[in-house]
Amino acid sequence: MIPIAQMEKLLENGRASAERGRSLDHFPVVRIISLDTGSEWLLSERSPHNDMLAFGAFFPGDGSVPLMGWVSIPGLIYNRSRAGRLLDFDPDYRPSRPIGTIAPEVRFVGEIPSKP
């Protein structure tokens, strides 16, 4: 679902964060959406220690508080929404600002859901 070029950019960002010893405020690289629930994930980096994890923000389609944390990439690829649809990669997404400034009310949690 996530193209190779974007996966490589996510890993590049993750390595930069690891070198600094903390997550940096990168621009999102990938937008994953649930067309039937309106939920979306903006991913900015991939863990250089576990390439199955990506850091990003989750915006629930129900309007509740956005969450920031780590998400399972295979979970995003293989999970289905409540209506049975696979999640979609948005090939036209172009970020305009760093992930930390996208939602001022975002709450950091250790793990964000990979299912809407």
PDB file of N, CA and C in Angstrom:
ATOM      1  N   MET A   1       0.821  -1.189   0.000  1.00  0.00           N
ATOM      2  CA  MET A   1       0.000   0.000   0.000  1.00  0.00           C
ATOM      3  C   MET A   1       0.869   1.257   0.000  1.00  0.00           C
ATOM      4  N   ILE A   2       1.911   1.307   0.819  1.00  0.00           N
ATOM      5  CA  ILE A   2       2.780   2.482   0.868  1.00  0.00           C
ATOM      6  C   ILE A   2       3.913   2.268  -0.132  1.00  0.00           C
ATOM      7  N   PRO A   3       4.050   3.173  -1.104  1.00  0.00           N
ATOM      8  CA  PRO A   3       5.104   3.015  -2.115  1.00  0.00           C
ATOM      9  C   PRO A   3       6.511   3.005  -1.510  1.00  0.00           C
ATOM     10  N   ILE A   4       7.418   2.360  -2.217  1.00  0.00           N
ATOM     11  CA  ILE A   4       8.792   2.190  -1.743  1.00  0.00           C
ATOM     12  C   ILE A   4       9.462   3.532  -1.457  1.00  0.00           C
ATOM     13  N   ALA A   5       9.285   4.516  -2.330  1.00  0.00           N
ATOM     14  CA  ALA A   5       9.934   5.823  -2.118  1.00  0.00           C
ATOM     15  C   ALA A   5       9.490   6.455  -0.798  1.00  0.00           C
ATOM     16  N   GLN A   6       8.212   6.344  -0.471  1.00  0.00           N
ATOM     17  CA  GLN A   6       7.712   6.898   0.783  1.00  0.00           C
ATOM     18  C   GLN A   6       8.213   6.085   1.978  1.00  0.00           C
ATOM     19  N   MET A   7       8.295   4.765   1.820  1.00  0.00           N
ATOM     20  CA  MET A   7       8.832   3.933   2.905  1.00  0.00           C
ATOM     21  C   MET A   7      10.288   4.311   3.187  1.00  0.00           C
ATOM     22  N   GLU A   8      11.048   4.579   2.136  1.00  0.00           N
ATOM     23  CA  GLU A   8      12.445   4.976   2.316  1.00  0.00           C
ATOM     24  C   GLU A   8      12.554   6.344   2.988  1.00  0.00           C
ATOM     25  N   LYS A   9      11.691   7.278   2.617  1.00  0.00           N
ATOM     26  CA  LYS A   9      11.698   8.607   3.249  1.00  0.00           C
ATOM     27  C   LYS A   9      11.310   8.507   4.729  1.00  0.00           C
ATOM     28  N   LEU A  10      10.319   7.656   5.039  1.00  0.00           N
ATOM     29  CA  LEU A  10       9.941   7.435   6.437  1.00  0.00           C
ATOM     30  C   LEU A  10      11.134   6.922   7.243  1.00  0.00           C
ATOM     31  N   LEU A  11      11.872   5.980   6.665  1.00  0.00           N
ATOM     32  CA  LEU A  11      13.039   5.421   7.351  1.00  0.00           C
ATOM     33  C   LEU A  11      14.141   6.467   7.494  1.00  0.00           C
ATOM     34  N   GLU A  12      14.358   7.276   6.463  1.00  0.00           N
ATOM     35  CA  GLU A  12      15.348   8.357   6.532  1.00  0.00           C
ATOM     36  C   GLU A  12      15.025   9.313   7.685  1.00  0.00           C
ATOM     37  N   ASN A  13      13.755   9.684   7.814  1.00  0.00           N
ATOM     38  CA  ASN A  13      13.331  10.549   8.914  1.00  0.00           C
ATOM     39  C   ASN A  13      13.545   9.861  10.259  1.00  0.00           C
ATOM     40  N   GLY A  14      13.245   8.561  10.326  1.00  0.00           N
ATOM     41  CA  GLY A  14      13.431   7.811  11.565  1.00  0.00           C
ATOM     42  C   GLY A  14      14.882   7.744  11.989  1.00  0.00           C
ATOM     43  N   ARG A  15      15.758   7.576  11.022  1.00  0.00           N
ATOM     44  CA  ARG A  15      17.197   7.553  11.334  1.00  0.00           C
ATOM     45  C   ARG A  15      17.668   8.912  11.850  1.00  0.00           C
ATOM     46  N   ALA A  16      17.171   9.980  11.233  1.00  0.00           N
ATOM     47  CA  ALA A  16      17.538  11.332  11.684  1.00  0.00           C
ATOM     48  C   ALA A  16      17.086  11.548  13.125  1.00  0.00           C
ATOM     49  N   SER A  17      15.889  11.089  13.463  1.00  0.00           N
ATOM     50  CA  SER A  17      15.397  11.213  14.838  1.00  0.00           C
ATOM     51  C   SER A  17      16.238  10.389  15.798  1.00  0.00           C
ATOM     52  N   ALA A  18      16.597   9.172  15.387  1.00  0.00           N
ATOM     53  CA  ALA A  18      17.395   8.293  16.246  1.00  0.00           C
ATOM     54  C   ALA A  18      18.765   8.903  16.516  1.00  0.00           C
ATOM     55  N   GLU A  19      19.350   9.539  15.512  1.00  0.00           N
ATOM     56  CA  GLU A  19      20.656  10.179  15.692  1.00  0.00           C
ATOM     57  C   GLU A  19      20.583  11.319  16.704  1.00  0.00           C
ATOM     58  N   ARG A  20      19.453  12.026  16.749  1.00  0.00           N
ATOM     59  CA  ARG A  20      19.281  13.138  17.687  1.00  0.00           C
ATOM     60  C   ARG A  20      18.816  12.659  19.056  1.00  0.00           C
ATOM     61  N   GLY A  21      18.390  11.382  19.146  1.00  0.00           N
ATOM     62  CA  GLY A  21      17.946  10.836  20.419  1.00  0.00           C
ATOM     63  C   GLY A  21      16.511  11.165  20.773  1.00  0.00           C
ATOM     64  N   ARG A  22      15.769  11.711  19.826  1.00  0.00           N
ATOM     65  CA  ARG A  22      14.360  12.021  20.064  1.00  0.00           C
ATOM     66  C   ARG A  22      13.669  12.182  18.717  1.00  0.00           C
ATOM     67  N   SER A  23      12.357  12.080  18.743  1.00  0.00           N
ATOM     68  CA  SER A  23      11.586  12.258  17.515  1.00  0.00           C
ATOM     69  C   SER A  23      11.611  13.726  17.107  1.00  0.00           C
ATOM     70  N   LEU A  24      11.911  13.970  15.861  1.00  0.00           N
ATOM     71  CA  LEU A  24      11.941  15.326  15.334  1.00  0.00           C
ATOM     72  C   LEU A  24      10.582  15.674  14.746  1.00  0.00           C
ATOM     73  N   ASP A  25      10.359  16.933  14.531  1.00  0.00           N
ATOM     74  CA  ASP A  25       9.075  17.375  13.985  1.00  0.00           C
ATOM     75  C   ASP A  25       9.155  17.400  12.458  1.00  0.00           C
ATOM     76  N   HIS A  26       9.086  16.212  11.860  1.00  0.00           N
ATOM     77  CA  HIS A  26       9.174  16.065  10.407  1.00  0.00           C
ATOM     78  C   HIS A  26       7.846  16.413   9.740  1.00  0.00           C
ATOM     79  N   PHE A  27       7.925  16.722   8.459  1.00  0.00           N
ATOM     80  CA  PHE A  27       6.713  16.836   7.661  1.00  0.00           C
ATOM     81  C   PHE A  27       6.165  15.432   7.456  1.00  0.00           C
ATOM     82  N   PRO A  28       4.848  15.263   7.450  1.00  0.00           N
ATOM     83  CA  PRO A  28       4.289  13.937   7.152  1.00  0.00           C
ATOM     84  C   PRO A  28       4.726  13.493   5.760  1.00  0.00           C
ATOM     85  N   VAL A  29       4.915  12.213   5.604  1.00  0.00           N
ATOM     86  CA  VAL A  29       5.330  11.637   4.326  1.00  0.00           C
ATOM     87  C   VAL A  29       4.155  10.927   3.660  1.00  0.00           C
ATOM     88  N   VAL A  30       3.300  10.329   4.476  1.00  0.00           N
ATOM     89  CA  VAL A  30       2.232   9.474   3.985  1.00  0.00           C
ATOM     90  C   VAL A  30       0.907   9.837   4.656  1.00  0.00           C
ATOM     91  N   ARG A  31      -0.156   9.795   3.870  1.00  0.00           N
ATOM     92  CA  ARG A  31      -1.516   9.945   4.411  1.00  0.00           C
ATOM     93  C   ARG A  31      -2.292   8.678   4.056  1.00  0.00           C
ATOM     94  N   ILE A  32      -2.802   8.007   5.096  1.00  0.00           N
ATOM     95  CA  ILE A  32      -3.634   6.819   4.940  1.00  0.00           C
ATOM     96  C   ILE A  32      -5.036   7.214   5.379  1.00  0.00           C
ATOM     97  N   ILE A  33      -6.047   6.839   4.602  1.00  0.00           N
ATOM     98  CA  ILE A  33      -7.418   7.243   4.921  1.00  0.00           C
ATOM     99  C   ILE A  33      -8.374   6.060   4.905  1.00  0.00           C
ATOM    100  N   SER A  34      -9.406   6.195   5.700  1.00  0.00           N
ATOM    101  CA  SER A  34     -10.524   5.259   5.685  1.00  0.00           C
ATOM    102  C   SER A  34     -11.680   6.001   5.015  1.00  0.00           C
ATOM    103  N   LEU A  35     -11.998   5.600   3.817  1.00  0.00           N
ATOM    104  CA  LEU A  35     -13.018   6.311   3.052  1.00  0.00           C
ATOM    105  C   LEU A  35     -14.408   6.223   3.665  1.00  0.00           C
ATOM    106  N   ASP A  36     -14.669   5.157   4.416  1.00  0.00           N
ATOM    107  CA  ASP A  36     -16.014   5.021   4.972  1.00  0.00           C
ATOM    108  C   ASP A  36     -16.173   5.607   6.370  1.00  0.00           C
ATOM    109  N   THR A  37     -15.070   5.840   7.099  1.00  0.00           N
ATOM    110  CA  THR A  37     -15.207   6.413   8.441  1.00  0.00           C
ATOM    111  C   THR A  37     -14.652   7.837   8.527  1.00  0.00           C
ATOM    112  N   GLY A  38     -13.839   8.249   7.564  1.00  0.00           N
ATOM    113  CA  GLY A  38     -13.235   9.569   7.608  1.00  0.00           C
ATOM    114  C   GLY A  38     -11.986   9.645   8.474  1.00  0.00           C
ATOM    115  N   SER A  39     -11.573   8.532   9.049  1.00  0.00           N
ATOM    116  CA  SER A  39     -10.350   8.504   9.856  1.00  0.00           C
ATOM    117  C   SER A  39      -9.134   8.641   8.944  1.00  0.00           C
ATOM    118  N   GLU A  40      -8.064   9.224   9.490  1.00  0.00           N
ATOM    119  CA  GLU A  40      -6.842   9.314   8.702  1.00  0.00           C
ATOM    120  C   GLU A  40      -5.617   9.227   9.584  1.00  0.00           C
ATOM    121  N   TRP A  41      -4.532   8.770   8.983  1.00  0.00           N
ATOM    122  CA  TRP A  41      -3.234   8.655   9.627  1.00  0.00           C
ATOM    123  C   TRP A  41      -2.252   9.461   8.802  1.00  0.00           C
ATOM    124  N   LEU A  42      -1.455  10.292   9.458  1.00  0.00           N
ATOM    125  CA  LEU A  42      -0.363  11.006   8.815  1.00  0.00           C
ATOM    126  C   LEU A  42       0.920  10.457   9.421  1.00  0.00           C
ATOM    127  N   LEU A  43       1.746   9.846   8.609  1.00  0.00           N
ATOM    128  CA  LEU A  43       2.972   9.209   9.094  1.00  0.00           C
ATOM    129  C   LEU A  43       4.184  10.035   8.699  1.00  0.00           C
ATOM    130  N   SER A  44       5.101  10.231   9.654  1.00  0.00           N
ATOM    131  CA  SER A  44       6.254  11.074   9.386  1.00  0.00           C
ATOM    132  C   SER A  44       7.595  10.346   9.456  1.00  0.00           C
ATOM    133  N   GLU A  45       7.641   9.210  10.144  1.00  0.00           N
ATOM    134  CA  GLU A  45       8.902   8.481  10.223  1.00  0.00           C
ATOM    135  C   GLU A  45       8.668   7.019  10.555  1.00  0.00           C
ATOM    136  N   ARG A  46       9.664   6.209  10.243  1.00  0.00           N
ATOM    137  CA  ARG A  46       9.621   4.780  10.526  1.00  0.00           C
ATOM    138  C   ARG A  46      10.760   4.457  11.470  1.00  0.00           C
ATOM    139  N   SER A  47      10.519   3.565  12.403  1.00  0.00           N
ATOM    140  CA  SER A  47      11.543   3.204  13.377  1.00  0.00           C
ATOM    141  C   SER A  47      12.717   2.503  12.695  1.00  0.00           C
ATOM    142  N   PRO A  48      13.954   2.976  12.928  1.00  0.00           N
ATOM    143  CA  PRO A  48      15.105   2.271  12.369  1.00  0.00           C
ATOM    144  C   PRO A  48      15.409   0.974  13.130  1.00  0.00           C
ATOM    145  N   HIS A  49      14.774   0.794  14.282  1.00  0.00           N
ATOM    146  CA  HIS A  49      14.988  -0.399  15.107  1.00  0.00           C
ATOM    147  C   HIS A  49      13.920  -1.468  14.857  1.00  0.00           C
ATOM    148  N   ASN A  50      12.770  -1.049  14.368  1.00  0.00           N
ATOM    149  CA  ASN A  50      11.665  -1.973  14.060  1.00  0.00           C
ATOM    150  C   ASN A  50      10.928  -1.401  12.856  1.00  0.00           C
ATOM    151  N   ASP A  51      11.281  -1.874  11.673  1.00  0.00           N
ATOM    152  CA  ASP A  51      10.737  -1.266  10.459  1.00  0.00           C
ATOM    153  C   ASP A  51       9.249  -1.543  10.231  1.00  0.00           C
ATOM    154  N   MET A  52       8.622  -2.204  11.176  1.00  0.00           N
ATOM    155  CA  MET A  52       7.172  -2.426  11.093  1.00  0.00           C
ATOM    156  C   MET A  52       6.389  -1.341  11.843  1.00  0.00           C
ATOM    157  N   LEU A  53       7.104  -0.393  12.456  1.00  0.00           N
ATOM    158  CA  LEU A  53       6.458   0.679  13.208  1.00  0.00           C
ATOM    159  C   LEU A  53       6.705   2.033  12.555  1.00  0.00           C
ATOM    160  N   ALA A  54       5.658   2.841  12.510  1.00  0.00           N
ATOM    161  CA  ALA A  54       5.769   4.206  11.986  1.00  0.00           C
ATOM    162  C   ALA A  54       5.219   5.170  13.030  1.00  0.00           C
ATOM    163  N   PHE A  55       5.808   6.365  13.073  1.00  0.00           N
ATOM    164  CA  PHE A  55       5.350   7.400  13.981  1.00  0.00           C
ATOM    165  C   PHE A  55       4.453   8.350  13.209  1.00  0.00           C
ATOM    166  N   GLY A  56       3.365   8.761  13.850  1.00  0.00           N
ATOM    167  CA  GLY A  56       2.485   9.701  13.179  1.00  0.00           C
ATOM    168  C   GLY A  56       1.317  10.112  14.040  1.00  0.00           C
ATOM    169  N   ALA A  57       0.360  10.714  13.373  1.00  0.00           N
ATOM    170  CA  ALA A  57      -0.844  11.202  14.038  1.00  0.00           C
ATOM    171  C   ALA A  57      -2.052  10.475  13.476  1.00  0.00           C
ATOM    172  N   PHE A  58      -3.004  10.192  14.354  1.00  0.00           N
ATOM    173  CA  PHE A  58      -4.263   9.537  13.985  1.00  0.00           C
ATOM    174  C   PHE A  58      -5.384  10.526  14.244  1.00  0.00           C
ATOM    175  N   PHE A  59      -6.191  10.752  13.236  1.00  0.00           N
ATOM    176  CA  PHE A  59      -7.332  11.652  13.336  1.00  0.00           C
ATOM    177  C   PHE A  59      -8.604  10.820  13.198  1.00  0.00           C
ATOM    178  N   PRO A  60      -9.283  10.548  14.312  1.00  0.00           N
ATOM    179  CA  PRO A  60     -10.502   9.743  14.250  1.00  0.00           C
ATOM    180  C   PRO A  60     -11.578  10.445  13.425  1.00  0.00           C
ATOM    181  N   GLY A  61     -12.330   9.679  12.713  1.00  0.00           N
ATOM    182  CA  GLY A  61     -13.391  10.235  11.892  1.00  0.00           C
ATOM    183  C   GLY A  61     -14.578  10.737  12.691  1.00  0.00           C
ATOM    184  N   ASP A  62     -14.605  10.454  13.990  1.00  0.00           N
ATOM    185  CA  ASP A  62     -15.750  10.864  14.815  1.00  0.00           C
ATOM    186  C   ASP A  62     -15.552  12.231  15.472  1.00  0.00           C
ATOM    187  N   GLY A  63     -14.440  12.900  15.165  1.00  0.00           N
ATOM    188  CA  GLY A  63     -14.202  14.231  15.712  1.00  0.00           C
ATOM    189  C   GLY A  63     -13.562  14.253  17.085  1.00  0.00           C
ATOM    190  N   SER A  64     -13.220  13.089  17.638  1.00  0.00           N
ATOM    191  CA  SER A  64     -12.580  13.084  18.954  1.00  0.00           C
ATOM    192  C   SER A  64     -11.124  13.549  18.822  1.00  0.00           C
ATOM    193  N   VAL A  65     -10.458  13.685  19.948  1.00  0.00           N
ATOM    194  CA  VAL A  65      -9.109  14.254  19.992  1.00  0.00           C
ATOM    195  C   VAL A  65      -8.130  13.419  19.164  1.00  0.00           C
ATOM    196  N   PRO A  66      -7.350  14.070  18.297  1.00  0.00           N
ATOM    197  CA  PRO A  66      -6.326  13.347  17.540  1.00  0.00           C
ATOM    198  C   PRO A  66      -5.252  12.797  18.476  1.00  0.00           C
ATOM    199  N   LEU A  67      -4.640  11.701  18.066  1.00  0.00           N
ATOM    200  CA  LEU A  67      -3.614  11.047  18.863  1.00  0.00           C
ATOM    201  C   LEU A  67      -2.314  10.995  18.082  1.00  0.00           C
ATOM    202  N   MET A  68      -1.202  11.060  18.786  1.00  0.00           N
ATOM    203  CA  MET A  68       0.098  10.936  18.151  1.00  0.00           C
ATOM    204  C   MET A  68       0.851   9.810  18.837  1.00  0.00           C
ATOM    205  N   GLY A  69       1.526   8.981  18.048  1.00  0.00           N
ATOM    206  CA  GLY A  69       2.285   7.877  18.607  1.00  0.00           C
ATOM    207  C   GLY A  69       2.729   6.928  17.506  1.00  0.00           C
ATOM    208  N   TRP A  70       3.023   5.705  17.889  1.00  0.00           N
ATOM    209  CA  TRP A  70       3.504   4.683  16.959  1.00  0.00           C
ATOM    210  C   TRP A  70       2.361   3.793  16.509  1.00  0.00           C
ATOM    211  N   VAL A  71       2.433   3.351  15.259  1.00  0.00           N
ATOM    212  CA  VAL A  71       1.398   2.494  14.692  1.00  0.00           C
ATOM    213  C   VAL A  71       2.067   1.349  13.928  1.00  0.00           C
ATOM    214  N   SER A  72       1.406   0.214  13.900  1.00  0.00           N
ATOM    215  CA  SER A  72       1.890  -0.948  13.166  1.00  0.00           C
ATOM    216  C   SER A  72       1.604  -0.759  11.670  1.00  0.00           C
ATOM    217  N   ILE A  73       2.647  -0.780  10.858  1.00  0.00           N
ATOM    218  CA  ILE A  73       2.455  -0.649   9.409  1.00  0.00           C
ATOM    219  C   ILE A  73       1.667  -1.837   8.859  1.00  0.00           C
ATOM    220  N   PRO A  74       2.003  -3.089   9.226  1.00  0.00           N
ATOM    221  CA  PRO A  74       1.179  -4.200   8.733  1.00  0.00           C
ATOM    222  C   PRO A  74      -0.279  -4.080   9.182  1.00  0.00           C
ATOM    223  N   GLY A  75      -0.488  -3.541  10.388  1.00  0.00           N
ATOM    224  CA  GLY A  75      -1.853  -3.331  10.855  1.00  0.00           C
ATOM    225  C   GLY A  75      -2.614  -2.395   9.942  1.00  0.00           C
ATOM    226  N   LEU A  76      -1.969  -1.330   9.491  1.00  0.00           N
ATOM    227  CA  LEU A  76      -2.621  -0.401   8.568  1.00  0.00           C
ATOM    228  C   LEU A  76      -2.895  -1.052   7.218  1.00  0.00           C
ATOM    229  N   ILE A  77      -1.970  -1.852   6.766  1.00  0.00           N
ATOM    230  CA  ILE A  77      -2.104  -2.449   5.436  1.00  0.00           C
ATOM    231  C   ILE A  77      -3.184  -3.523   5.396  1.00  0.00           C
ATOM    232  N   TYR A  78      -3.283  -4.311   6.450  1.00  0.00           N
ATOM    233  CA  TYR A  78      -4.180  -5.468   6.416  1.00  0.00           C
ATOM    234  C   TYR A  78      -5.491  -5.304   7.160  1.00  0.00           C
ATOM    235  N   ASN A  79      -5.583  -4.315   8.058  1.00  0.00           N
ATOM    236  CA  ASN A  79      -6.833  -4.130   8.792  1.00  0.00           C
ATOM    237  C   ASN A  79      -7.914  -3.568   7.890  1.00  0.00           C
ATOM    238  N   ARG A  80      -9.123  -3.885   8.228  1.00  0.00           N
ATOM    239  CA  ARG A  80     -10.275  -3.364   7.500  1.00  0.00           C
ATOM    240  C   ARG A  80     -11.101  -2.501   8.441  1.00  0.00           C
ATOM    241  N   SER A  81     -11.818  -1.573   7.856  1.00  0.00           N
ATOM    242  CA  SER A  81     -12.699  -0.728   8.651  1.00  0.00           C
ATOM    243  C   SER A  81     -13.893  -1.560   9.111  1.00  0.00           C
ATOM    244  N   ARG A  82     -14.734  -0.960   9.929  1.00  0.00           N
ATOM    245  CA  ARG A  82     -15.924  -1.672  10.411  1.00  0.00           C
ATOM    246  C   ARG A  82     -16.825  -2.108   9.266  1.00  0.00           C
ATOM    247  N   ALA A  83     -16.799  -1.382   8.165  1.00  0.00           N
ATOM    248  CA  ALA A  83     -17.618  -1.737   7.002  1.00  0.00           C
ATOM    249  C   ALA A  83     -16.916  -2.744   6.093  1.00  0.00           C
ATOM    250  N   GLY A  84     -15.706  -3.176   6.468  1.00  0.00           N
ATOM    251  CA  GLY A  84     -15.007  -4.202   5.711  1.00  0.00           C
ATOM    252  C   GLY A  84     -14.074  -3.694   4.623  1.00  0.00           C
ATOM    253  N   ARG A  85     -13.878  -2.384   4.526  1.00  0.00           N
ATOM    254  CA  ARG A  85     -12.994  -1.821   3.494  1.00  0.00           C
ATOM    255  C   ARG A  85     -11.560  -1.756   3.985  1.00  0.00           C
ATOM    256  N   LEU A  86     -10.638  -2.001   3.063  1.00  0.00           N
ATOM    257  CA  LEU A  86      -9.228  -1.766   3.359  1.00  0.00           C
ATOM    258  C   LEU A  86      -8.980  -0.266   3.393  1.00  0.00           C
ATOM    259  N   LEU A  87      -7.949   0.143   4.105  1.00  0.00           N
ATOM    260  CA  LEU A  87      -7.580   1.554   4.145  1.00  0.00           C
ATOM    261  C   LEU A  87      -6.906   1.930   2.832  1.00  0.00           C
ATOM    262  N   ASP A  88      -6.924   3.221   2.500  1.00  0.00           N
ATOM    263  CA  ASP A  88      -6.379   3.689   1.231  1.00  0.00           C
ATOM    264  C   ASP A  88      -5.200   4.632   1.441  1.00  0.00           C
ATOM    265  N   PHE A  89      -4.222   4.539   0.567  1.00  0.00           N
ATOM    266  CA  PHE A  89      -3.088   5.451   0.510  1.00  0.00           C
ATOM    267  C   PHE A  89      -3.490   6.635  -0.367  1.00  0.00           C
ATOM    268  N   ASP A  90      -3.218   7.842   0.092  1.00  0.00           N
ATOM    269  CA  ASP A  90      -3.558   9.046  -0.672  1.00  0.00           C
ATOM    270  C   ASP A  90      -2.337   9.475  -1.484  1.00  0.00           C
ATOM    271  N   PRO A  91      -2.292   9.166  -2.792  1.00  0.00           N
ATOM    272  CA  PRO A  91      -1.116   9.497  -3.597  1.00  0.00           C
ATOM    273  C   PRO A  91      -0.973  10.994  -3.872  1.00  0.00           C
ATOM    274  N   ASP A  92      -2.022  11.761  -3.674  1.00  0.00           N
ATOM    275  CA  ASP A  92      -1.995  13.195  -3.968  1.00  0.00           C
ATOM    276  C   ASP A  92      -1.687  14.059  -2.751  1.00  0.00           C
ATOM    277  N   TYR A  93      -1.466  13.452  -1.602  1.00  0.00           N
ATOM    278  CA  TYR A  93      -1.232  14.219  -0.374  1.00  0.00           C
ATOM    279  C   TYR A  93       0.086  14.980  -0.455  1.00  0.00           C
ATOM    280  N   ARG A  94       0.033  16.262  -0.146  1.00  0.00           N
ATOM    281  CA  ARG A  94       1.211  17.122  -0.089  1.00  0.00           C
ATOM    282  C   ARG A  94       1.170  17.883   1.235  1.00  0.00           C
ATOM    283  N   PRO A  95       2.068  17.569   2.166  1.00  0.00           N
ATOM    284  CA  PRO A  95       2.044  18.242   3.466  1.00  0.00           C
ATOM    285  C   PRO A  95       2.441  19.707   3.341  1.00  0.00           C
ATOM    286  N   SER A  96       1.863  20.504   4.221  1.00  0.00           N
ATOM    287  CA  SER A  96       2.171  21.937   4.200  1.00  0.00           C
ATOM    288  C   SER A  96       2.910  22.397   5.459  1.00  0.00           C
ATOM    289  N   ARG A  97       2.974  21.525   6.457  1.00  0.00           N
ATOM    290  CA  ARG A  97       3.645  21.907   7.706  1.00  0.00           C
ATOM    291  C   ARG A  97       4.039  20.653   8.488  1.00  0.00           C
ATOM    292  N   PRO A  98       4.929  20.799   9.464  1.00  0.00           N
ATOM    293  CA  PRO A  98       5.374  19.645  10.256  1.00  0.00           C
ATOM    294  C   PRO A  98       4.220  18.990  11.017  1.00  0.00           C
ATOM    295  N   ILE A  99       4.395  17.723  11.302  1.00  0.00           N
ATOM    296  CA  ILE A  99       3.329  16.934  11.923  1.00  0.00           C
ATOM    297  C   ILE A  99       2.911  17.479  13.287  1.00  0.00           C
ATOM    298  N   GLY A 100       3.842  18.029  14.032  1.00  0.00           N
ATOM    299  CA  GLY A 100       3.526  18.549  15.364  1.00  0.00           C
ATOM    300  C   GLY A 100       2.639  19.781  15.353  1.00  0.00           C
ATOM    301  N   THR A 101       2.531  20.452  14.220  1.00  0.00           N
ATOM    302  CA  THR A 101       1.716  21.663  14.143  1.00  0.00           C
ATOM    303  C   THR A 101       0.390  21.442  13.437  1.00  0.00           C
ATOM    304  N   ILE A 102       0.142  20.238  12.976  1.00  0.00           N
ATOM    305  CA  ILE A 102      -1.083  19.970  12.220  1.00  0.00           C
ATOM    306  C   ILE A 102      -2.320  20.029  13.109  1.00  0.00           C
ATOM    307  N   ALA A 103      -2.223  19.488  14.291  1.00  0.00           N
ATOM    308  CA  ALA A 103      -3.366  19.514  15.212  1.00  0.00           C
ATOM    309  C   ALA A 103      -2.874  19.976  16.578  1.00  0.00           C
ATOM    310  N   PRO A 104      -3.153  21.211  16.954  1.00  0.00           N
ATOM    311  CA  PRO A 104      -2.637  21.710  18.232  1.00  0.00           C
ATOM    312  C   PRO A 104      -3.178  20.951  19.443  1.00  0.00           C
ATOM    313  N   GLU A 105      -4.329  20.308  19.299  1.00  0.00           N
ATOM    314  CA  GLU A 105      -4.909  19.588  20.433  1.00  0.00           C
ATOM    315  C   GLU A 105      -4.498  18.119  20.460  1.00  0.00           C
ATOM    316  N   VAL A 106      -3.551  17.735  19.605  1.00  0.00           N
ATOM    317  CA  VAL A 106      -3.144  16.339  19.533  1.00  0.00           C
ATOM    318  C   VAL A 106      -2.574  15.874  20.877  1.00  0.00           C
ATOM    319  N   ARG A 107      -2.893  14.642  21.218  1.00  0.00           N
ATOM    320  CA  ARG A 107      -2.451  14.060  22.490  1.00  0.00           C
ATOM    321  C   ARG A 107      -1.479  12.928  22.192  1.00  0.00           C
ATOM    322  N   PHE A 108      -0.291  12.945  22.810  1.00  0.00           N
ATOM    323  CA  PHE A 108       0.686  11.888  22.586  1.00  0.00           C
ATOM    324  C   PHE A 108       0.323  10.682  23.424  1.00  0.00           C
ATOM    325  N   VAL A 109       0.277   9.529  22.769  1.00  0.00           N
ATOM    326  CA  VAL A 109       0.075   8.242  23.432  1.00  0.00           C
ATOM    327  C   VAL A 109       1.131   7.299  22.888  1.00  0.00           C
ATOM    328  N   GLY A 110       1.375   6.212  23.547  1.00  0.00           N
ATOM    329  CA  GLY A 110       2.422   5.291  23.089  1.00  0.00           C
ATOM    330  C   GLY A 110       2.096   4.624  21.776  1.00  0.00           C
ATOM    331  N   GLU A 111       0.839   4.238  21.600  1.00  0.00           N
ATOM    332  CA  GLU A 111       0.453   3.499  20.400  1.00  0.00           C
ATOM    333  C   GLU A 111      -0.869   4.039  19.898  1.00  0.00           C
ATOM    334  N   ILE A 112      -0.946   4.289  18.602  1.00  0.00           N
ATOM    335  CA  ILE A 112      -2.213   4.748  18.019  1.00  0.00           C
ATOM    336  C   ILE A 112      -2.855   3.573  17.288  1.00  0.00           C
ATOM    337  N   PRO A 113      -4.172   3.570  17.156  1.00  0.00           N
ATOM    338  CA  PRO A 113      -4.860   2.443  16.538  1.00  0.00           C
ATOM    339  C   PRO A 113      -4.543   2.310  15.053  1.00  0.00           C
ATOM    340  N   SER A 114      -4.521   1.077  14.572  1.00  0.00           N
ATOM    341  CA  SER A 114      -4.312   0.850  13.150  1.00  0.00           C
ATOM    342  C   SER A 114      -5.618   0.467  12.464  1.00  0.00           C
ATOM    343  N   LYS A 115      -6.710   0.659  13.175  1.00  0.00           N
ATOM    344  CA  LYS A 115      -8.027   0.322  12.644  1.00  0.00           C
ATOM    345  C   LYS A 115      -8.986   1.460  12.994  1.00  0.00           C
ATOM    346  N   PRO A 116      -9.782   1.913  12.007  1.00  0.00           N
ATOM    347  CA  PRO A 116     -10.712   3.019  12.304  1.00  0.00           C
ATOM    348  C   PRO A 116     -11.835   2.609  13.245  1.00  0.00           C
TER     349      PRO A 116
END
